[in-house]
Amino acid sequence: MRAVIDTNILVSALLTPGGVSAQLIAAIRSRALTPVVSEMILAEYAEVLNRPKFNFANKLTARLLEDMKGLALFLNSQSIPLQDLPDPDDAPFISAAITAACHVITGNIKHFPQESGIEAITPSEALARLQAK
């Protein structure tokens, strides 16, 4: 399964190592789930994970960022009109999902309206789909 992984999934995985988001990262590392990324998505991952408020260990964030880049399907997504998105910073994630014809996995479903042309699913839904295969 391929999917665009919203940044909040990475944050959640580091905050709760035994949680559903961490299980999705394990699925990426075992190649059961292929993340879809672009330069803009990778830049957001790095910026958010390195925010002082999280105080994540550099070693953990570096490994996660390496895995997200090294195990991903990298693409040059097309820009899209913002379409009055709840969070305009989500536009690169929507664009990547449209370009790759895949889902966005997010903890913030409301940030990805159906009108954007993609299907957003929760971490639990993604995990259930992976386990059903």
N, C-alpha and C. Protein backbone atom coordinates (compact mmCIF):
# COMPACT_ATOMS: atom_id res chain seq x y z
N MET A 1 0.84 -1.18 0.00
CA MET A 1 0.00 0.00 0.00
C MET A 1 0.89 1.24 0.00
N ARG A 2 0.51 2.22 -0.80
CA ARG A 2 1.20 3.51 -0.84
C ARG A 2 0.31 4.55 -0.17
N ALA A 3 0.94 5.51 0.50
CA ALA A 3 0.17 6.60 1.11
C ALA A 3 1.08 7.78 1.41
N VAL A 4 0.49 8.94 1.38
CA VAL A 4 1.17 10.14 1.87
C VAL A 4 0.96 10.15 3.38
N ILE A 5 2.03 10.33 4.10
CA ILE A 5 1.99 10.29 5.57
C ILE A 5 2.04 11.73 6.09
N ASP A 6 0.99 12.15 6.76
CA ASP A 6 0.96 13.50 7.32
C ASP A 6 1.99 13.59 8.45
N THR A 7 2.52 14.77 8.63
CA THR A 7 3.55 15.01 9.63
C THR A 7 3.10 14.62 11.03
N ASN A 8 1.82 14.79 11.34
CA ASN A 8 1.35 14.47 12.69
C ASN A 8 1.50 12.98 13.01
N ILE A 9 1.57 12.14 12.00
CA ILE A 9 1.80 10.70 12.22
C ILE A 9 3.22 10.48 12.73
N LEU A 10 4.18 11.18 12.15
CA LEU A 10 5.57 11.04 12.59
C LEU A 10 5.74 11.55 14.02
N VAL A 11 5.13 12.69 14.32
CA VAL A 11 5.20 13.24 15.67
C VAL A 11 4.58 12.26 16.66
N SER A 12 3.42 11.75 16.33
CA SER A 12 2.74 10.81 17.21
C SER A 12 3.56 9.54 17.42
N ALA A 13 4.21 9.07 16.37
CA ALA A 13 5.03 7.86 16.48
C ALA A 13 6.18 8.06 17.46
N LEU A 14 6.77 9.25 17.46
CA LEU A 14 7.87 9.52 18.38
C LEU A 14 7.37 9.79 19.80
N LEU A 15 6.19 10.38 19.92
CA LEU A 15 5.64 10.65 21.24
C LEU A 15 5.11 9.39 21.93
N THR A 16 4.58 8.45 21.12
CA THR A 16 3.96 7.24 21.67
C THR A 16 4.54 6.02 20.93
N PRO A 17 5.71 5.57 21.34
CA PRO A 17 6.40 4.49 20.62
C PRO A 17 5.61 3.20 20.44
N GLY A 18 4.63 2.91 21.28
CA GLY A 18 3.84 1.69 21.14
C GLY A 18 2.51 1.91 20.46
N GLY A 19 2.25 3.13 20.00
CA GLY A 19 0.95 3.47 19.45
C GLY A 19 0.75 3.09 17.99
N VAL A 20 -0.43 3.40 17.50
CA VAL A 20 -0.81 3.05 16.13
C VAL A 20 0.12 3.73 15.12
N SER A 21 0.45 5.00 15.35
CA SER A 21 1.33 5.70 14.40
C SER A 21 2.71 5.04 14.36
N ALA A 22 3.21 4.62 15.51
CA ALA A 22 4.49 3.91 15.54
C ALA A 22 4.40 2.58 14.78
N GLN A 23 3.25 1.94 14.85
CA GLN A 23 3.05 0.70 14.10
C GLN A 23 3.07 0.98 12.59
N LEU A 24 2.57 2.13 12.19
CA LEU A 24 2.63 2.49 10.77
C LEU A 24 4.08 2.73 10.34
N ILE A 25 4.87 3.35 11.20
CA ILE A 25 6.29 3.55 10.88
C ILE A 25 6.98 2.18 10.77
N ALA A 26 6.63 1.25 11.64
CA ALA A 26 7.17 -0.11 11.55
C ALA A 26 6.77 -0.76 10.23
N ALA A 27 5.54 -0.49 9.78
CA ALA A 27 5.08 -1.03 8.49
C ALA A 27 5.88 -0.43 7.34
N ILE A 28 6.24 0.83 7.47
CA ILE A 28 7.10 1.45 6.45
C ILE A 28 8.45 0.77 6.45
N ARG A 29 9.00 0.58 7.61
CA ARG A 29 10.34 -0.02 7.72
C ARG A 29 10.36 -1.47 7.25
N SER A 30 9.22 -2.16 7.35
CA SER A 30 9.15 -3.54 6.86
C SER A 30 8.70 -3.59 5.39
N ARG A 31 8.47 -2.44 4.82
CA ARG A 31 8.06 -2.27 3.41
C ARG A 31 6.64 -2.73 3.10
N ALA A 32 5.83 -2.84 4.14
CA ALA A 32 4.41 -3.15 3.93
C ALA A 32 3.64 -1.89 3.53
N LEU A 33 4.19 -0.74 3.87
CA LEU A 33 3.59 0.56 3.56
C LEU A 33 4.68 1.42 2.92
N THR A 34 4.38 1.97 1.76
CA THR A 34 5.33 2.83 1.07
C THR A 34 4.89 4.28 1.20
N PRO A 35 5.69 5.11 1.87
CA PRO A 35 5.33 6.52 1.96
C PRO A 35 5.59 7.23 0.63
N VAL A 36 4.74 8.16 0.31
CA VAL A 36 4.90 8.99 -0.89
C VAL A 36 5.33 10.36 -0.41
N VAL A 37 6.45 10.86 -0.93
CA VAL A 37 6.98 12.14 -0.48
C VAL A 37 7.38 13.03 -1.65
N SER A 38 7.54 14.30 -1.34
CA SER A 38 8.10 15.29 -2.26
C SER A 38 9.11 16.09 -1.44
N GLU A 39 9.85 16.96 -2.10
CA GLU A 39 10.81 17.81 -1.38
C GLU A 39 10.10 18.65 -0.31
N MET A 40 8.92 19.18 -0.65
CA MET A 40 8.20 20.02 0.30
C MET A 40 7.74 19.22 1.53
N ILE A 41 7.32 18.00 1.30
CA ILE A 41 6.90 17.15 2.42
C ILE A 41 8.09 16.82 3.31
N LEU A 42 9.20 16.43 2.70
CA LEU A 42 10.40 16.12 3.50
C LEU A 42 10.87 17.33 4.29
N ALA A 43 10.78 18.51 3.68
CA ALA A 43 11.18 19.74 4.39
C ALA A 43 10.28 19.99 5.60
N GLU A 44 8.98 19.75 5.42
CA GLU A 44 8.07 19.94 6.56
C GLU A 44 8.36 18.92 7.66
N TYR A 45 8.59 17.66 7.28
CA TYR A 45 8.93 16.65 8.28
C TYR A 45 10.12 17.14 9.12
N ALA A 46 11.19 17.55 8.45
CA ALA A 46 12.41 17.96 9.15
C ALA A 46 12.15 19.17 10.04
N GLU A 47 11.43 20.15 9.53
CA GLU A 47 11.17 21.36 10.31
C GLU A 47 10.35 21.04 11.57
N VAL A 48 9.29 20.28 11.42
CA VAL A 48 8.42 19.98 12.56
C VAL A 48 9.12 19.07 13.58
N LEU A 49 9.76 18.02 13.11
CA LEU A 49 10.39 17.08 14.04
C LEU A 49 11.54 17.71 14.82
N ASN A 50 12.12 18.76 14.29
CA ASN A 50 13.24 19.41 14.97
C ASN A 50 12.82 20.63 15.79
N ARG A 51 11.53 20.83 15.97
CA ARG A 51 11.07 21.95 16.80
C ARG A 51 11.48 21.71 18.25
N PRO A 52 12.00 22.75 18.89
CA PRO A 52 12.43 22.61 20.28
C PRO A 52 11.33 22.14 21.23
N LYS A 53 10.08 22.49 20.96
CA LYS A 53 9.00 22.12 21.88
C LYS A 53 8.85 20.61 22.03
N PHE A 54 9.24 19.85 20.99
CA PHE A 54 9.13 18.39 21.09
C PHE A 54 10.32 17.78 21.82
N ASN A 55 11.49 18.39 21.66
CA ASN A 55 12.70 17.91 22.32
C ASN A 55 12.99 16.44 22.00
N PHE A 56 12.73 16.04 20.74
CA PHE A 56 13.05 14.68 20.31
C PHE A 56 14.56 14.52 20.22
N ALA A 57 15.03 13.34 20.54
CA ALA A 57 16.46 13.04 20.40
C ALA A 57 16.85 13.14 18.93
N ASN A 58 17.96 13.82 18.68
CA ASN A 58 18.42 13.99 17.30
C ASN A 58 18.59 12.67 16.57
N LYS A 59 19.07 11.67 17.29
CA LYS A 59 19.29 10.35 16.69
C LYS A 59 17.97 9.75 16.19
N LEU A 60 16.91 9.89 16.99
CA LEU A 60 15.60 9.36 16.61
C LEU A 60 15.02 10.07 15.39
N THR A 61 15.10 11.40 15.41
CA THR A 61 14.54 12.15 14.28
C THR A 61 15.36 11.91 13.01
N ALA A 62 16.67 11.85 13.15
CA ALA A 62 17.52 11.62 11.97
C ALA A 62 17.21 10.26 11.35
N ARG A 63 17.05 9.24 12.18
CA ARG A 63 16.74 7.90 11.65
C ARG A 63 15.37 7.89 10.98
N LEU A 64 14.39 8.51 11.61
CA LEU A 64 13.05 8.55 11.04
C LEU A 64 13.05 9.30 9.71
N LEU A 65 13.71 10.44 9.66
CA LEU A 65 13.78 11.21 8.41
C LEU A 65 14.51 10.44 7.32
N GLU A 66 15.57 9.75 7.70
CA GLU A 66 16.31 8.90 6.74
C GLU A 66 15.41 7.82 6.16
N ASP A 67 14.66 7.16 7.03
CA ASP A 67 13.76 6.10 6.59
C ASP A 67 12.65 6.66 5.70
N MET A 68 12.09 7.79 6.08
CA MET A 68 11.01 8.38 5.29
C MET A 68 11.49 8.77 3.89
N LYS A 69 12.74 9.15 3.79
CA LYS A 69 13.30 9.51 2.48
C LYS A 69 13.76 8.26 1.72
N GLY A 70 14.46 7.38 2.40
CA GLY A 70 15.06 6.23 1.75
C GLY A 70 14.09 5.14 1.34
N LEU A 71 12.97 5.02 2.05
CA LEU A 71 12.01 3.96 1.76
C LEU A 71 10.80 4.47 0.97
N ALA A 72 10.84 5.73 0.60
CA ALA A 72 9.68 6.37 -0.01
C ALA A 72 9.68 6.32 -1.53
N LEU A 73 8.49 6.52 -2.05
CA LEU A 73 8.31 6.81 -3.47
C LEU A 73 8.41 8.33 -3.56
N PHE A 74 9.45 8.80 -4.21
CA PHE A 74 9.68 10.24 -4.31
C PHE A 74 9.09 10.74 -5.62
N LEU A 75 8.36 11.85 -5.54
CA LEU A 75 7.79 12.41 -6.76
C LEU A 75 7.82 13.92 -6.74
N ASN A 76 7.71 14.46 -7.92
CA ASN A 76 7.58 15.91 -8.08
C ASN A 76 6.10 16.15 -8.29
N SER A 77 5.42 16.48 -7.22
CA SER A 77 3.98 16.68 -7.33
C SER A 77 3.69 18.04 -7.94
N GLN A 78 2.52 18.13 -8.52
CA GLN A 78 2.09 19.36 -9.15
C GLN A 78 1.45 20.24 -8.09
N SER A 79 1.59 21.55 -8.26
CA SER A 79 0.92 22.43 -7.30
C SER A 79 -0.57 22.45 -7.60
N ILE A 80 -1.32 22.65 -6.56
CA ILE A 80 -2.78 22.67 -6.67
C ILE A 80 -3.30 23.99 -6.12
N PRO A 81 -4.46 24.40 -6.54
CA PRO A 81 -5.04 25.58 -5.89
C PRO A 81 -5.38 25.25 -4.44
N LEU A 82 -5.25 26.22 -3.58
CA LEU A 82 -5.46 25.96 -2.16
C LEU A 82 -6.89 25.59 -1.81
N GLN A 83 -7.85 25.95 -2.62
CA GLN A 83 -9.24 25.53 -2.44
C GLN A 83 -9.77 25.77 -1.03
N ASP A 84 -9.38 26.86 -0.43
CA ASP A 84 -9.85 27.18 0.92
C ASP A 84 -9.61 26.03 1.90
N LEU A 85 -8.43 25.48 1.88
CA LEU A 85 -8.09 24.38 2.78
C LEU A 85 -8.10 24.86 4.23
N PRO A 86 -8.51 24.00 5.15
CA PRO A 86 -8.47 24.36 6.57
C PRO A 86 -7.05 24.74 7.01
N ASP A 87 -6.04 24.08 6.44
CA ASP A 87 -4.64 24.40 6.72
C ASP A 87 -3.89 24.43 5.39
N PRO A 88 -3.59 25.61 4.87
CA PRO A 88 -2.90 25.71 3.57
C PRO A 88 -1.57 24.95 3.51
N ASP A 89 -0.95 24.70 4.68
CA ASP A 89 0.30 23.93 4.70
C ASP A 89 0.09 22.48 4.28
N ASP A 90 -1.16 22.03 4.21
CA ASP A 90 -1.45 20.66 3.79
C ASP A 90 -1.49 20.50 2.27
N ALA A 91 -1.43 21.59 1.53
CA ALA A 91 -1.50 21.52 0.07
C ALA A 91 -0.47 20.56 -0.55
N PRO A 92 0.80 20.56 -0.11
CA PRO A 92 1.76 19.60 -0.71
C PRO A 92 1.37 18.14 -0.47
N PHE A 93 0.74 17.86 0.65
CA PHE A 93 0.31 16.49 0.95
C PHE A 93 -0.84 16.07 0.04
N ILE A 94 -1.77 16.98 -0.18
CA ILE A 94 -2.89 16.70 -1.09
C ILE A 94 -2.37 16.55 -2.51
N SER A 95 -1.49 17.43 -2.91
CA SER A 95 -0.92 17.37 -4.26
C SER A 95 -0.20 16.04 -4.50
N ALA A 96 0.58 15.61 -3.51
CA ALA A 96 1.29 14.33 -3.65
C ALA A 96 0.32 13.17 -3.74
N ALA A 97 -0.74 13.19 -2.94
CA ALA A 97 -1.73 12.11 -2.98
C ALA A 97 -2.46 12.08 -4.32
N ILE A 98 -2.77 13.25 -4.87
CA ILE A 98 -3.41 13.30 -6.19
C ILE A 98 -2.47 12.77 -7.25
N THR A 99 -1.22 13.22 -7.21
CA THR A 99 -0.23 12.79 -8.21
C THR A 99 0.00 11.28 -8.16
N ALA A 100 0.07 10.71 -6.95
CA ALA A 100 0.35 9.29 -6.78
C ALA A 100 -0.91 8.43 -6.74
N ALA A 101 -2.08 9.07 -6.79
CA ALA A 101 -3.36 8.36 -6.71
C ALA A 101 -3.40 7.45 -5.47
N CYS A 102 -3.15 8.06 -4.32
CA CYS A 102 -3.14 7.29 -3.08
C CYS A 102 -3.81 8.10 -1.96
N HIS A 103 -3.88 7.52 -0.79
CA HIS A 103 -4.50 8.13 0.39
C HIS A 103 -3.52 9.05 1.11
N VAL A 104 -4.06 9.85 1.99
CA VAL A 104 -3.27 10.55 2.99
C VAL A 104 -3.64 9.92 4.33
N ILE A 105 -2.63 9.54 5.09
CA ILE A 105 -2.87 9.03 6.43
C ILE A 105 -2.60 10.18 7.39
N THR A 106 -3.62 10.51 8.19
CA THR A 106 -3.52 11.68 9.05
C THR A 106 -4.34 11.52 10.32
N GLY A 107 -3.93 12.22 11.32
CA GLY A 107 -4.71 12.31 12.54
C GLY A 107 -5.68 13.48 12.50
N ASN A 108 -5.62 14.26 11.44
CA ASN A 108 -6.47 15.44 11.27
C ASN A 108 -7.30 15.33 10.00
N ILE A 109 -8.25 14.43 9.99
CA ILE A 109 -9.09 14.19 8.81
C ILE A 109 -9.73 15.48 8.31
N LYS A 110 -10.16 16.34 9.22
CA LYS A 110 -10.86 17.56 8.82
C LYS A 110 -9.98 18.50 8.00
N HIS A 111 -8.67 18.32 8.05
CA HIS A 111 -7.76 19.15 7.25
C HIS A 111 -7.73 18.74 5.78
N PHE A 112 -8.32 17.59 5.47
CA PHE A 112 -8.27 17.05 4.11
C PHE A 112 -9.69 16.80 3.60
N PRO A 113 -10.39 17.87 3.20
CA PRO A 113 -11.79 17.72 2.76
C PRO A 113 -11.90 16.87 1.49
N GLN A 114 -13.03 16.18 1.37
CA GLN A 114 -13.27 15.34 0.19
C GLN A 114 -13.19 16.13 -1.10
N GLU A 115 -13.55 17.40 -1.04
CA GLU A 115 -13.50 18.24 -2.24
C GLU A 115 -12.09 18.39 -2.80
N SER A 116 -11.10 18.05 -2.01
CA SER A 116 -9.71 18.17 -2.48
C SER A 116 -9.35 17.06 -3.46
N GLY A 117 -10.20 16.05 -3.58
CA GLY A 117 -9.95 15.00 -4.56
C GLY A 117 -9.17 13.81 -4.04
N ILE A 118 -8.96 13.75 -2.73
CA ILE A 118 -8.23 12.61 -2.15
C ILE A 118 -9.05 12.02 -1.02
N GLU A 119 -8.66 10.82 -0.62
CA GLU A 119 -9.28 10.20 0.55
C GLU A 119 -8.28 10.24 1.70
N ALA A 120 -8.67 10.85 2.78
CA ALA A 120 -7.84 10.86 3.99
C ALA A 120 -8.36 9.77 4.92
N ILE A 121 -7.42 9.02 5.49
CA ILE A 121 -7.79 7.96 6.43
C ILE A 121 -6.99 8.13 7.72
N THR A 122 -7.55 7.63 8.80
CA THR A 122 -6.89 7.72 10.10
C THR A 122 -5.80 6.65 10.20
N PRO A 123 -4.91 6.81 11.15
CA PRO A 123 -3.89 5.77 11.36
C PRO A 123 -4.52 4.39 11.64
N SER A 124 -5.59 4.35 12.41
CA SER A 124 -6.25 3.07 12.71
C SER A 124 -6.83 2.44 11.45
N GLU A 125 -7.44 3.26 10.59
CA GLU A 125 -7.98 2.74 9.32
C GLU A 125 -6.86 2.21 8.44
N ALA A 126 -5.75 2.93 8.40
CA ALA A 126 -4.62 2.48 7.58
C ALA A 126 -4.06 1.16 8.09
N LEU A 127 -3.92 1.05 9.39
CA LEU A 127 -3.41 -0.18 9.99
C LEU A 127 -4.34 -1.34 9.71
N ALA A 128 -5.65 -1.11 9.81
CA ALA A 128 -6.63 -2.16 9.52
C ALA A 128 -6.52 -2.60 8.07
N ARG A 129 -6.34 -1.67 7.16
CA ARG A 129 -6.20 -2.03 5.73
C ARG A 129 -4.94 -2.84 5.49
N LEU A 130 -3.87 -2.48 6.17
CA LEU A 130 -2.62 -3.22 6.03
C LEU A 130 -2.77 -4.64 6.58
N GLN A 131 -3.44 -4.77 7.70
CA GLN A 131 -3.62 -6.08 8.32
C GLN A 131 -4.58 -6.96 7.54
N ALA A 132 -5.46 -6.34 6.76
CA ALA A 132 -6.42 -7.11 5.97
C ALA A 132 -5.79 -7.74 4.73
N LYS A 133 -4.61 -7.28 4.38
CA LYS A 133 -3.94 -7.79 3.18
C LYS A 133 -3.27 -9.11 3.43
